[in-house]
């Protein structure tokens, strides 16, 4: 799976986490989860659960608050998929 495919999956998840109210189309790897998208801790938890389901993986003992940007999440997914 390429980084752009992972990014597209994350865009879909972020749109759902936001209730579909905001366009996430401008989402890049540099986009900040809290600052740019205004995600709350509950939204971040939803993001983690949705990523686990979409990418068929489990998060290890990593704090979800350690992810600042979309690129951080992509890096983590790529590392888990190796």
N, C-alpha and C. Protein backbone atom coordinates (compact mmCIF):
# COMPACT_ATOMS: atom_id res chain seq x y z
N UNK A 1 0.85 -1.17 0.00
CA UNK A 1 0.00 0.00 0.00
C UNK A 1 0.90 1.24 0.00
N UNK A 2 0.61 2.18 -0.87
CA UNK A 2 1.43 3.38 -0.98
C UNK A 2 0.99 4.43 0.04
N UNK A 3 1.86 5.41 0.24
CA UNK A 3 1.54 6.51 1.16
C UNK A 3 0.30 7.27 0.70
N UNK A 4 0.15 7.44 -0.62
CA UNK A 4 -1.02 8.17 -1.12
C UNK A 4 -2.30 7.36 -0.89
N UNK A 5 -2.23 6.05 -0.97
CA UNK A 5 -3.41 5.22 -0.68
C UNK A 5 -3.77 5.30 0.81
N UNK A 6 -2.74 5.29 1.65
CA UNK A 6 -2.98 5.42 3.09
C UNK A 6 -3.58 6.80 3.38
N UNK A 7 -3.03 7.84 2.75
CA UNK A 7 -3.54 9.20 2.93
C UNK A 7 -5.01 9.28 2.54
N UNK A 8 -5.38 8.67 1.42
CA UNK A 8 -6.78 8.70 1.00
C UNK A 8 -7.67 8.00 2.02
N UNK A 9 -7.22 6.87 2.55
CA UNK A 9 -7.99 6.18 3.58
C UNK A 9 -8.15 7.04 4.82
N UNK A 10 -7.08 7.76 5.20
CA UNK A 10 -7.16 8.64 6.36
C UNK A 10 -8.11 9.81 6.11
N UNK A 11 -8.13 10.32 4.88
CA UNK A 11 -9.08 11.39 4.53
C UNK A 11 -10.51 10.90 4.74
N UNK A 12 -10.78 9.68 4.31
CA UNK A 12 -12.12 9.11 4.49
C UNK A 12 -12.47 9.00 5.97
N UNK A 13 -11.51 8.52 6.76
CA UNK A 13 -11.72 8.37 8.20
C UNK A 13 -11.92 9.73 8.85
N UNK A 14 -11.08 10.70 8.50
CA UNK A 14 -11.18 12.04 9.09
C UNK A 14 -12.51 12.71 8.75
N UNK A 15 -12.99 12.49 7.54
CA UNK A 15 -14.28 13.05 7.16
C UNK A 15 -15.38 12.46 8.03
N UNK A 16 -15.34 11.17 8.26
CA UNK A 16 -16.34 10.50 9.11
C UNK A 16 -16.18 10.94 10.57
N UNK A 17 -14.93 11.09 11.04
CA UNK A 17 -14.69 11.51 12.44
C UNK A 17 -15.23 12.90 12.68
N UNK A 18 -15.23 13.71 11.65
CA UNK A 18 -15.70 15.08 11.77
C UNK A 18 -17.21 15.16 11.51
N UNK A 19 -17.84 14.04 11.32
CA UNK A 19 -19.27 14.04 11.04
C UNK A 19 -19.60 14.50 9.64
N UNK A 20 -18.59 14.56 8.79
CA UNK A 20 -18.81 14.96 7.40
C UNK A 20 -19.06 16.45 7.24
N UNK A 21 -18.83 17.23 8.29
CA UNK A 21 -19.13 18.65 8.23
C UNK A 21 -18.07 19.48 7.53
N UNK A 22 -16.84 19.03 7.51
CA UNK A 22 -15.74 19.79 6.90
C UNK A 22 -15.18 19.04 5.71
N UNK A 23 -14.73 19.80 4.74
CA UNK A 23 -14.03 19.18 3.62
C UNK A 23 -12.61 18.88 4.07
N UNK A 24 -12.19 17.65 3.95
CA UNK A 24 -10.86 17.22 4.34
C UNK A 24 -9.98 17.12 3.10
N UNK A 25 -10.49 17.55 1.98
CA UNK A 25 -9.76 17.41 0.72
C UNK A 25 -8.39 18.07 0.76
N UNK A 26 -8.23 19.14 1.54
CA UNK A 26 -6.94 19.82 1.63
C UNK A 26 -5.97 19.11 2.55
N UNK A 27 -6.33 17.95 3.01
CA UNK A 27 -5.50 17.19 3.95
C UNK A 27 -4.20 16.76 3.28
N UNK A 28 -3.09 17.06 3.96
CA UNK A 28 -1.77 16.63 3.50
C UNK A 28 -1.08 15.92 4.66
N UNK A 29 0.09 15.39 4.40
CA UNK A 29 0.84 14.73 5.47
C UNK A 29 1.24 15.72 6.56
N UNK A 30 1.32 16.99 6.22
CA UNK A 30 1.70 18.02 7.19
C UNK A 30 0.51 18.54 7.99
N UNK A 31 -0.70 18.16 7.61
CA UNK A 31 -1.90 18.63 8.33
C UNK A 31 -1.86 18.15 9.77
N UNK A 32 -2.17 19.06 10.69
CA UNK A 32 -2.16 18.74 12.11
C UNK A 32 -3.56 18.30 12.55
N UNK A 33 -3.61 17.19 13.23
CA UNK A 33 -4.89 16.58 13.58
C UNK A 33 -5.75 17.49 14.45
N UNK A 34 -5.17 18.07 15.47
CA UNK A 34 -5.96 18.89 16.40
C UNK A 34 -6.14 20.31 15.89
N UNK A 35 -5.04 20.92 15.48
CA UNK A 35 -5.07 22.33 15.10
C UNK A 35 -5.81 22.56 13.78
N UNK A 36 -5.50 21.75 12.76
CA UNK A 36 -6.09 21.97 11.44
C UNK A 36 -7.51 21.41 11.32
N UNK A 37 -7.77 20.29 12.00
CA UNK A 37 -9.07 19.65 11.87
C UNK A 37 -9.92 19.79 13.13
N UNK A 38 -9.32 20.30 14.21
CA UNK A 38 -10.07 20.51 15.44
C UNK A 38 -10.56 19.22 16.08
N UNK A 39 -9.82 18.13 15.90
CA UNK A 39 -10.26 16.86 16.46
C UNK A 39 -10.09 16.84 17.97
N UNK A 40 -11.11 16.38 18.65
CA UNK A 40 -11.05 16.22 20.10
C UNK A 40 -10.41 14.88 20.43
N UNK A 41 -10.20 14.63 21.71
CA UNK A 41 -9.63 13.34 22.11
C UNK A 41 -10.57 12.20 21.74
N UNK A 42 -11.86 12.44 21.77
CA UNK A 42 -12.83 11.41 21.35
C UNK A 42 -12.69 11.15 19.85
N UNK A 43 -12.53 12.21 19.06
CA UNK A 43 -12.32 12.04 17.62
C UNK A 43 -11.03 11.28 17.32
N UNK A 44 -9.98 11.56 18.10
CA UNK A 44 -8.70 10.86 17.92
C UNK A 44 -8.87 9.38 18.23
N UNK A 45 -9.63 9.08 19.28
CA UNK A 45 -9.90 7.68 19.62
C UNK A 45 -10.65 6.99 18.48
N UNK A 46 -11.65 7.67 17.92
CA UNK A 46 -12.37 7.13 16.77
C UNK A 46 -11.40 6.89 15.61
N UNK A 47 -10.48 7.84 15.39
CA UNK A 47 -9.50 7.70 14.33
C UNK A 47 -8.68 6.43 14.50
N UNK A 48 -8.22 6.18 15.73
CA UNK A 48 -7.41 4.99 16.02
C UNK A 48 -8.21 3.72 15.71
N UNK A 49 -9.44 3.66 16.19
CA UNK A 49 -10.29 2.47 15.98
C UNK A 49 -10.54 2.27 14.49
N UNK A 50 -10.84 3.34 13.78
CA UNK A 50 -11.12 3.24 12.35
C UNK A 50 -9.88 2.83 11.56
N UNK A 51 -8.71 3.35 11.96
CA UNK A 51 -7.45 2.97 11.29
C UNK A 51 -7.19 1.48 11.51
N UNK A 52 -7.41 1.00 12.73
CA UNK A 52 -7.21 -0.43 13.00
C UNK A 52 -8.10 -1.29 12.11
N UNK A 53 -9.34 -0.89 11.94
CA UNK A 53 -10.27 -1.65 11.11
C UNK A 53 -9.91 -1.55 9.63
N UNK A 54 -9.66 -0.33 9.16
CA UNK A 54 -9.40 -0.12 7.73
C UNK A 54 -8.11 -0.80 7.27
N UNK A 55 -7.08 -0.73 8.10
CA UNK A 55 -5.77 -1.22 7.69
C UNK A 55 -5.42 -2.56 8.32
N UNK A 56 -6.40 -3.20 8.96
CA UNK A 56 -6.25 -4.53 9.55
C UNK A 56 -4.98 -4.62 10.40
N UNK A 57 -4.94 -3.78 11.41
CA UNK A 57 -3.78 -3.73 12.29
C UNK A 57 -4.24 -3.33 13.69
N UNK A 58 -3.34 -3.50 14.64
CA UNK A 58 -3.63 -3.08 16.01
C UNK A 58 -2.54 -2.11 16.45
N UNK A 59 -2.95 -1.05 17.12
CA UNK A 59 -1.99 -0.12 17.69
C UNK A 59 -1.34 -0.77 18.89
N UNK A 60 -0.03 -0.65 18.98
CA UNK A 60 0.69 -1.13 20.15
C UNK A 60 0.46 -0.15 21.29
N UNK A 61 1.26 -0.27 22.28
CA UNK A 61 1.16 0.58 23.45
C UNK A 61 1.69 1.97 23.13
N UNK A 62 1.01 2.64 22.22
CA UNK A 62 1.43 3.99 21.82
C UNK A 62 0.32 4.95 22.21
N UNK A 63 0.70 6.08 22.75
CA UNK A 63 -0.31 7.07 23.12
C UNK A 63 -0.86 7.75 21.89
N UNK A 64 -2.16 7.77 21.76
CA UNK A 64 -2.76 8.38 20.58
C UNK A 64 -2.44 9.87 20.51
N UNK A 65 -2.11 10.45 21.63
CA UNK A 65 -1.75 11.87 21.63
C UNK A 65 -0.36 12.11 21.08
N UNK A 66 0.37 11.04 20.78
CA UNK A 66 1.71 11.20 20.21
C UNK A 66 1.64 11.51 18.71
N UNK A 67 0.48 11.40 18.11
CA UNK A 67 0.31 11.72 16.70
C UNK A 67 -0.10 13.18 16.56
N UNK A 68 0.79 13.98 15.99
CA UNK A 68 0.48 15.39 15.77
C UNK A 68 -0.04 15.64 14.37
N UNK A 69 0.55 14.95 13.39
CA UNK A 69 0.19 15.20 12.00
C UNK A 69 -0.33 13.93 11.34
N UNK A 70 -0.94 14.12 10.19
CA UNK A 70 -1.39 12.99 9.39
C UNK A 70 -0.19 12.14 8.99
N UNK A 71 0.94 12.77 8.70
CA UNK A 71 2.16 12.04 8.35
C UNK A 71 2.63 11.13 9.47
N UNK A 72 2.45 11.56 10.73
CA UNK A 72 2.81 10.70 11.86
C UNK A 72 2.00 9.40 11.84
N UNK A 73 0.73 9.52 11.52
CA UNK A 73 -0.14 8.33 11.46
C UNK A 73 0.27 7.44 10.29
N UNK A 74 0.57 8.04 9.15
CA UNK A 74 1.00 7.27 7.98
C UNK A 74 2.30 6.53 8.29
N UNK A 75 3.26 7.22 8.93
CA UNK A 75 4.52 6.58 9.30
C UNK A 75 4.27 5.36 10.19
N UNK A 76 3.36 5.51 11.15
CA UNK A 76 3.06 4.42 12.06
C UNK A 76 2.43 3.24 11.32
N UNK A 77 1.49 3.53 10.44
CA UNK A 77 0.83 2.46 9.67
C UNK A 77 1.86 1.74 8.81
N UNK A 78 2.72 2.49 8.13
CA UNK A 78 3.75 1.85 7.28
C UNK A 78 4.68 0.96 8.12
N UNK A 79 5.07 1.43 9.29
CA UNK A 79 5.95 0.62 10.14
C UNK A 79 5.27 -0.66 10.58
N UNK A 80 3.99 -0.60 10.87
CA UNK A 80 3.23 -1.78 11.32
C UNK A 80 3.00 -2.76 10.17
N UNK A 81 2.92 -2.28 8.96
CA UNK A 81 2.61 -3.12 7.81
C UNK A 81 3.85 -3.79 7.22
N UNK A 82 5.03 -3.42 7.70
CA UNK A 82 6.26 -4.03 7.17
C UNK A 82 6.41 -5.43 7.65
